[in-house]
Amino acid sequence: MDKKTSRQKRAAKTRLVIRSIGTDRLSVHRTPNHIYAQITTADGSRVLASASTLQSEIRTTIEGHTGNVNAAKAVGGFIARRALENGINKVAFDRSGFKYHGRIKALADAAREAGLEF
């Protein structure tokens, strides 16, 4: 089993647990150049809020490269503000099988600091 398949297997297990809990899900995906975050319903049928380093509102606040910890912090703060505007204050964190360190941890910490609970 290669790295990608292992990550996808971990992600599927996490999503199954989150679906059984029945809370909204903050899903994070990262690539070498960008980081993406979405808040979806528990069953994944509807996107309630989204943010990424591709958006102009976030890109103007980031200095330098969009694939670093500072960019992840900006995305985490932005997604939390957008969720709170939509009346969402509690979510389950779905790290999509990625290890909880670096950019994933920075995004989660920034979202918590901005007022999102998980």
Protein backbone atom coordinates (compact mmCIF):
# COMPACT_ATOMS: atom_id res chain seq x y z
CA MET A 1 0.00 0.00 0.00
CA ASP A 2 1.44 3.38 -0.97
CA LYS A 3 1.29 6.66 0.97
CA LYS A 4 -1.75 8.04 -0.83
CA THR A 5 -3.82 4.90 -0.35
CA SER A 6 -2.93 4.77 3.35
CA ARG A 7 -3.93 8.41 3.79
CA GLN A 8 -7.23 7.87 2.00
CA LYS A 9 -7.98 4.85 4.18
CA ARG A 10 -7.35 6.88 7.36
CA ALA A 11 -9.56 9.66 5.98
CA ALA A 12 -12.43 7.26 5.24
CA LYS A 13 -12.35 5.89 8.80
CA THR A 14 -12.41 9.39 10.26
CA ARG A 15 -15.29 10.48 8.03
CA LEU A 16 -17.31 7.42 9.02
CA VAL A 17 -16.98 8.35 12.70
CA ILE A 18 -17.84 11.99 12.03
CA ARG A 19 -20.91 10.96 10.02
CA SER A 20 -22.13 8.80 12.93
CA ILE A 21 -21.69 11.72 15.37
CA GLY A 22 -23.83 13.93 13.15
CA THR A 23 -22.01 17.27 13.46
CA ASP A 24 -20.82 19.61 10.74
CA ARG A 25 -17.35 18.78 9.44
CA LEU A 26 -14.34 21.04 8.88
CA SER A 27 -12.45 19.23 6.13
CA VAL A 28 -8.88 20.23 5.25
CA HIS A 29 -6.86 19.36 2.15
CA ARG A 30 -3.30 20.39 1.44
CA THR A 31 -1.08 20.37 -1.61
CA PRO A 32 2.52 21.57 -1.81
CA ASN A 33 1.37 24.99 -3.04
CA HIS A 34 -2.05 25.57 -1.44
CA ILE A 35 -4.33 24.63 1.45
CA TYR A 36 -8.10 24.29 1.27
CA ALA A 37 -10.78 24.14 3.99
CA GLN A 38 -14.50 23.41 3.78
CA ILE A 39 -17.27 23.13 6.31
CA THR A 40 -19.84 20.60 5.15
CA THR A 41 -22.92 19.02 6.64
CA ALA A 42 -22.39 15.77 8.54
CA ASP A 43 -23.40 13.63 5.58
CA GLY A 44 -21.27 15.71 3.19
CA SER A 45 -24.17 16.67 0.94
CA ARG A 46 -23.81 20.47 1.22
CA VAL A 47 -20.91 22.91 1.62
CA LEU A 48 -21.69 25.53 4.26
CA ALA A 49 -18.47 27.57 4.09
CA SER A 50 -15.14 27.37 2.29
CA ALA A 51 -11.74 29.05 2.19
CA SER A 52 -8.46 28.48 0.37
CA THR A 53 -5.21 30.21 -0.48
CA LEU A 54 -6.54 30.72 -4.00
CA GLN A 55 -9.07 33.33 -2.85
CA SER A 56 -8.08 36.94 -3.35
CA GLU A 57 -9.17 37.98 0.18
CA ILE A 58 -6.69 35.54 1.69
CA ARG A 59 -3.95 35.93 -0.91
CA THR A 60 -3.59 39.64 -0.20
CA THR A 61 -2.96 38.97 3.51
CA ILE A 62 -0.26 36.34 2.85
CA GLU A 63 3.30 37.48 2.28
CA GLY A 64 5.36 35.15 0.14
CA HIS A 65 4.50 31.53 -0.64
CA THR A 66 0.93 30.20 -0.28
CA GLY A 67 2.00 26.72 0.84
CA ASN A 68 3.42 27.55 4.28
CA VAL A 69 2.27 27.77 7.91
CA ASN A 70 1.40 31.48 7.69
CA ALA A 71 -0.94 30.78 4.78
CA ALA A 72 -2.58 27.96 6.75
CA LYS A 73 -3.14 30.32 9.70
CA ALA A 74 -4.81 32.84 7.38
CA VAL A 75 -7.11 30.17 5.93
CA GLY A 76 -7.99 28.88 9.42
CA GLY A 77 -8.95 32.32 10.66
CA PHE A 78 -10.94 33.08 7.53
CA ILE A 79 -12.93 29.82 7.58
CA ALA A 80 -13.76 30.32 11.26
CA ARG A 81 -15.03 33.86 10.65
CA ARG A 82 -17.12 32.69 7.73
CA ALA A 83 -18.57 29.81 9.77
CA LEU A 84 -19.49 32.09 12.66
CA GLU A 85 -21.23 34.45 10.22
CA ASN A 86 -23.34 31.51 9.04
CA GLY A 87 -24.23 30.52 12.62
CA ILE A 88 -21.90 27.52 12.85
CA ASN A 89 -19.84 27.47 16.03
CA LYS A 90 -19.14 23.76 16.60
CA VAL A 91 -17.62 21.38 14.04
CA ALA A 92 -15.71 18.10 13.88
CA PHE A 93 -12.17 18.43 12.50
CA ASP A 94 -11.45 16.20 9.50
CA ARG A 95 -7.75 16.31 8.66
CA SER A 96 -8.27 14.06 5.61
CA GLY A 97 -5.76 11.49 6.82
CA PHE A 98 -2.89 13.99 7.02
CA LYS A 99 -0.71 14.00 10.14
CA TYR A 100 -1.68 16.60 12.74
CA HIS A 101 1.39 18.84 12.56
CA GLY A 102 2.71 21.70 10.48
CA ARG A 103 0.15 23.36 8.25
CA ILE A 104 -2.78 21.19 9.41
CA LYS A 105 -2.11 22.04 13.06
CA ALA A 106 -1.63 25.74 12.24
CA LEU A 107 -4.98 25.87 10.46
CA ALA A 108 -6.75 24.12 13.34
CA ASP A 109 -5.18 26.40 15.98
CA ALA A 110 -6.08 29.54 14.01
CA ALA A 111 -9.68 28.36 13.64
CA ARG A 112 -9.92 27.69 17.38
CA GLU A 113 -8.46 31.13 18.20
CA ALA A 114 -11.04 32.77 15.91
CA GLY A 115 -13.86 31.16 17.91
CA LEU A 116 -14.64 27.84 16.23
CA GLU A 117 -15.09 24.89 18.62
CA PHE A 118 -13.97 21.34 17.86
